[in-house]
Amino acid sequence: MVQSGFYDGATTYFNAKYSMWHLDPSGKFKDRLRFEGYRSGHMMYLRREDLASSNEDIREFIQASLPGKGVPAKY
């Protein structure tokens, strides 16, 4: 998961997107990658709305990544 602020001058939004596109050019792992953008700069956690939504997004990503009970992880 990549989380990025739209107005980030240090690690820019489009560079983050570009890096994700090149992680998996074949698309095989498309279901394992996720990108979230927020209306903030480099320190997303300073804007309360982005702090709340970024925390929720990472929780959802982790929950979606966990295999079901008794199911082995996919590699």
N, C-alpha and C. Protein backbone atom coordinates (compact mmCIF):
# COMPACT_ATOMS: atom_id res chain seq x y z
N MET A 1 0.83 -1.17 0.00
CA MET A 1 0.00 0.00 0.00
C MET A 1 0.88 1.23 0.00
N VAL A 2 0.54 2.15 -0.87
CA VAL A 2 1.23 3.44 -0.93
C VAL A 2 0.21 4.51 -0.58
N GLN A 3 0.54 5.33 0.41
CA GLN A 3 -0.29 6.46 0.78
C GLN A 3 0.49 7.73 0.47
N SER A 4 -0.17 8.69 -0.19
CA SER A 4 0.53 9.87 -0.64
C SER A 4 -0.37 11.09 -0.54
N GLY A 5 0.25 12.23 -0.19
CA GLY A 5 -0.48 13.49 -0.20
C GLY A 5 -0.44 14.08 -1.60
N PHE A 6 -1.55 14.66 -2.03
CA PHE A 6 -1.61 15.24 -3.38
C PHE A 6 -0.64 16.42 -3.52
N TYR A 7 -0.38 17.13 -2.43
CA TYR A 7 0.46 18.33 -2.48
C TYR A 7 1.83 18.11 -1.86
N ASP A 8 2.31 16.90 -1.92
CA ASP A 8 3.60 16.54 -1.34
C ASP A 8 4.72 16.97 -2.28
N GLY A 9 5.62 17.82 -1.78
CA GLY A 9 6.73 18.28 -2.61
C GLY A 9 7.96 17.39 -2.51
N ALA A 10 8.02 16.53 -1.49
CA ALA A 10 9.19 15.67 -1.28
C ALA A 10 9.06 14.35 -2.04
N THR A 11 7.95 13.68 -1.85
CA THR A 11 7.68 12.43 -2.56
C THR A 11 6.37 12.63 -3.30
N THR A 12 6.47 13.12 -4.49
CA THR A 12 5.31 13.61 -5.21
C THR A 12 4.31 12.51 -5.59
N TYR A 13 3.08 12.91 -5.71
CA TYR A 13 1.95 12.03 -6.02
C TYR A 13 2.24 11.19 -7.28
N PHE A 14 2.63 11.83 -8.35
CA PHE A 14 2.82 11.09 -9.60
C PHE A 14 4.05 10.19 -9.57
N ASN A 15 5.08 10.55 -8.82
CA ASN A 15 6.21 9.64 -8.67
C ASN A 15 5.81 8.40 -7.89
N ALA A 16 4.96 8.58 -6.90
CA ALA A 16 4.45 7.43 -6.14
C ALA A 16 3.63 6.52 -7.05
N LYS A 17 2.76 7.11 -7.86
CA LYS A 17 1.95 6.32 -8.81
C LYS A 17 2.86 5.61 -9.82
N TYR A 18 3.84 6.31 -10.34
CA TYR A 18 4.77 5.75 -11.31
C TYR A 18 5.49 4.54 -10.73
N SER A 19 5.95 4.67 -9.48
CA SER A 19 6.64 3.56 -8.82
C SER A 19 5.73 2.35 -8.69
N MET A 20 4.49 2.58 -8.32
CA MET A 20 3.55 1.46 -8.19
C MET A 20 3.29 0.78 -9.54
N TRP A 21 3.15 1.58 -10.59
CA TRP A 21 2.90 1.01 -11.92
C TRP A 21 4.06 0.11 -12.34
N HIS A 22 5.27 0.44 -11.90
CA HIS A 22 6.44 -0.33 -12.31
C HIS A 22 6.79 -1.48 -11.36
N LEU A 23 6.13 -1.57 -10.25
CA LEU A 23 6.34 -2.70 -9.35
C LEU A 23 5.84 -4.00 -9.98
N ASP A 24 4.75 -3.88 -10.72
CA ASP A 24 4.11 -5.07 -11.27
C ASP A 24 3.61 -4.80 -12.68
N PRO A 25 4.52 -4.69 -13.65
CA PRO A 25 4.09 -4.38 -15.02
C PRO A 25 3.20 -5.45 -15.65
N SER A 26 3.31 -6.69 -15.19
CA SER A 26 2.49 -7.76 -15.78
C SER A 26 1.05 -7.72 -15.26
N GLY A 27 0.83 -7.11 -14.11
CA GLY A 27 -0.52 -7.05 -13.54
C GLY A 27 -0.91 -8.27 -12.72
N LYS A 28 0.02 -9.21 -12.54
CA LYS A 28 -0.29 -10.43 -11.79
C LYS A 28 -0.64 -10.16 -10.32
N PHE A 29 -0.02 -9.15 -9.75
CA PHE A 29 -0.23 -8.87 -8.33
C PHE A 29 -1.12 -7.65 -8.11
N LYS A 30 -1.90 -7.31 -9.10
CA LYS A 30 -2.76 -6.14 -9.04
C LYS A 30 -3.67 -6.14 -7.81
N ASP A 31 -4.14 -7.32 -7.42
CA ASP A 31 -5.02 -7.41 -6.26
C ASP A 31 -4.28 -7.24 -4.94
N ARG A 32 -2.95 -7.22 -4.98
CA ARG A 32 -2.15 -7.06 -3.76
C ARG A 32 -1.66 -5.64 -3.55
N LEU A 33 -1.80 -4.79 -4.55
CA LEU A 33 -1.32 -3.42 -4.47
C LEU A 33 -2.48 -2.45 -4.30
N ARG A 34 -2.23 -1.38 -3.56
CA ARG A 34 -3.27 -0.38 -3.35
C ARG A 34 -2.61 0.98 -3.20
N PHE A 35 -3.26 1.98 -3.78
CA PHE A 35 -2.78 3.36 -3.68
C PHE A 35 -3.89 4.23 -3.11
N GLU A 36 -3.54 5.08 -2.16
CA GLU A 36 -4.50 6.04 -1.60
C GLU A 36 -3.87 7.42 -1.61
N GLY A 37 -4.61 8.39 -2.10
CA GLY A 37 -4.16 9.78 -2.11
C GLY A 37 -4.99 10.61 -1.15
N TYR A 38 -4.37 11.62 -0.55
CA TYR A 38 -5.04 12.45 0.44
C TYR A 38 -4.82 13.92 0.13
N ARG A 39 -5.74 14.77 0.56
CA ARG A 39 -5.69 16.21 0.31
C ARG A 39 -4.74 16.89 1.29
N SER A 40 -3.49 16.52 1.24
CA SER A 40 -2.50 17.08 2.16
C SER A 40 -1.14 17.09 1.49
N GLY A 41 -0.14 17.47 2.27
CA GLY A 41 1.23 17.48 1.79
C GLY A 41 1.96 16.24 2.28
N HIS A 42 3.24 16.41 2.57
CA HIS A 42 4.10 15.30 2.95
C HIS A 42 3.70 14.66 4.28
N MET A 43 3.28 15.47 5.23
CA MET A 43 2.91 14.95 6.55
C MET A 43 1.39 14.87 6.65
N MET A 44 0.84 13.81 6.10
CA MET A 44 -0.62 13.65 6.01
C MET A 44 -1.29 13.69 7.37
N TYR A 45 -0.59 13.21 8.38
CA TYR A 45 -1.16 13.10 9.72
C TYR A 45 -1.43 14.45 10.37
N LEU A 46 -0.94 15.55 9.81
CA LEU A 46 -1.20 16.87 10.39
C LEU A 46 -2.61 17.37 10.07
N ARG A 47 -3.20 16.87 9.03
CA ARG A 47 -4.57 17.23 8.68
C ARG A 47 -5.49 16.16 9.26
N ARG A 48 -6.34 16.53 10.19
CA ARG A 48 -7.14 15.56 10.95
C ARG A 48 -7.97 14.63 10.05
N GLU A 49 -8.57 15.18 9.02
CA GLU A 49 -9.39 14.36 8.12
C GLU A 49 -8.55 13.28 7.44
N ASP A 50 -7.34 13.67 7.03
CA ASP A 50 -6.46 12.70 6.37
C ASP A 50 -5.90 11.69 7.35
N LEU A 51 -5.65 12.11 8.59
CA LEU A 51 -5.18 11.19 9.61
C LEU A 51 -6.22 10.09 9.83
N ALA A 52 -7.47 10.49 9.97
CA ALA A 52 -8.54 9.51 10.21
C ALA A 52 -8.71 8.58 9.01
N SER A 53 -8.76 9.14 7.81
CA SER A 53 -8.99 8.29 6.64
C SER A 53 -7.77 7.42 6.32
N SER A 54 -6.56 7.93 6.53
CA SER A 54 -5.37 7.11 6.25
C SER A 54 -5.27 5.96 7.25
N ASN A 55 -5.63 6.20 8.50
CA ASN A 55 -5.64 5.11 9.48
C ASN A 55 -6.66 4.05 9.11
N GLU A 56 -7.83 4.47 8.69
CA GLU A 56 -8.87 3.52 8.30
C GLU A 56 -8.45 2.74 7.05
N ASP A 57 -7.82 3.43 6.10
CA ASP A 57 -7.37 2.78 4.87
C ASP A 57 -6.33 1.70 5.17
N ILE A 58 -5.39 1.99 6.07
CA ILE A 58 -4.36 0.98 6.38
C ILE A 58 -4.97 -0.19 7.13
N ARG A 59 -5.95 0.07 8.00
CA ARG A 59 -6.65 -1.03 8.69
C ARG A 59 -7.35 -1.94 7.68
N GLU A 60 -8.04 -1.34 6.72
CA GLU A 60 -8.73 -2.13 5.69
C GLU A 60 -7.74 -2.94 4.86
N PHE A 61 -6.62 -2.33 4.52
CA PHE A 61 -5.61 -3.02 3.72
C PHE A 61 -5.06 -4.23 4.47
N ILE A 62 -4.76 -4.06 5.74
CA ILE A 62 -4.24 -5.17 6.54
C ILE A 62 -5.28 -6.27 6.67
N GLN A 63 -6.52 -5.91 6.95
CA GLN A 63 -7.59 -6.92 7.08
C GLN A 63 -7.77 -7.69 5.77
N ALA A 64 -7.72 -6.99 4.66
CA ALA A 64 -7.88 -7.64 3.35
C ALA A 64 -6.69 -8.54 3.02
N SER A 65 -5.53 -8.25 3.62
CA SER A 65 -4.33 -9.03 3.34
C SER A 65 -4.25 -10.32 4.14
N LEU A 66 -4.99 -10.39 5.23
CA LEU A 66 -4.93 -11.57 6.09
C LEU A 66 -5.71 -12.72 5.49
N PRO A 67 -5.14 -13.91 5.49
CA PRO A 67 -5.89 -15.07 5.00
C PRO A 67 -6.96 -15.46 6.03
N GLY A 68 -7.96 -16.19 5.58
CA GLY A 68 -9.01 -16.65 6.49
C GLY A 68 -8.46 -17.65 7.48
N LYS A 69 -9.25 -17.97 8.48
CA LYS A 69 -8.80 -18.90 9.51
C LYS A 69 -8.51 -20.28 8.89
N GLY A 70 -7.33 -20.80 9.16
CA GLY A 70 -6.96 -22.11 8.64
C GLY A 70 -6.50 -22.11 7.19
N VAL A 71 -6.46 -20.93 6.57
CA VAL A 71 -6.03 -20.83 5.18
C VAL A 71 -4.59 -20.33 5.14
N PRO A 72 -3.70 -21.03 4.44
CA PRO A 72 -2.31 -20.57 4.38
C PRO A 72 -2.18 -19.29 3.55
N ALA A 73 -1.17 -18.51 3.85
CA ALA A 73 -0.91 -17.27 3.11
C ALA A 73 -0.44 -17.62 1.70
N LYS A 74 -0.81 -16.79 0.73
CA LYS A 74 -0.36 -16.94 -0.66
C LYS A 74 0.96 -16.22 -0.84
N TYR A 75 1.87 -16.84 -1.55
CA TYR A 75 3.15 -16.20 -1.82
C TYR A 75 3.33 -16.02 -3.29
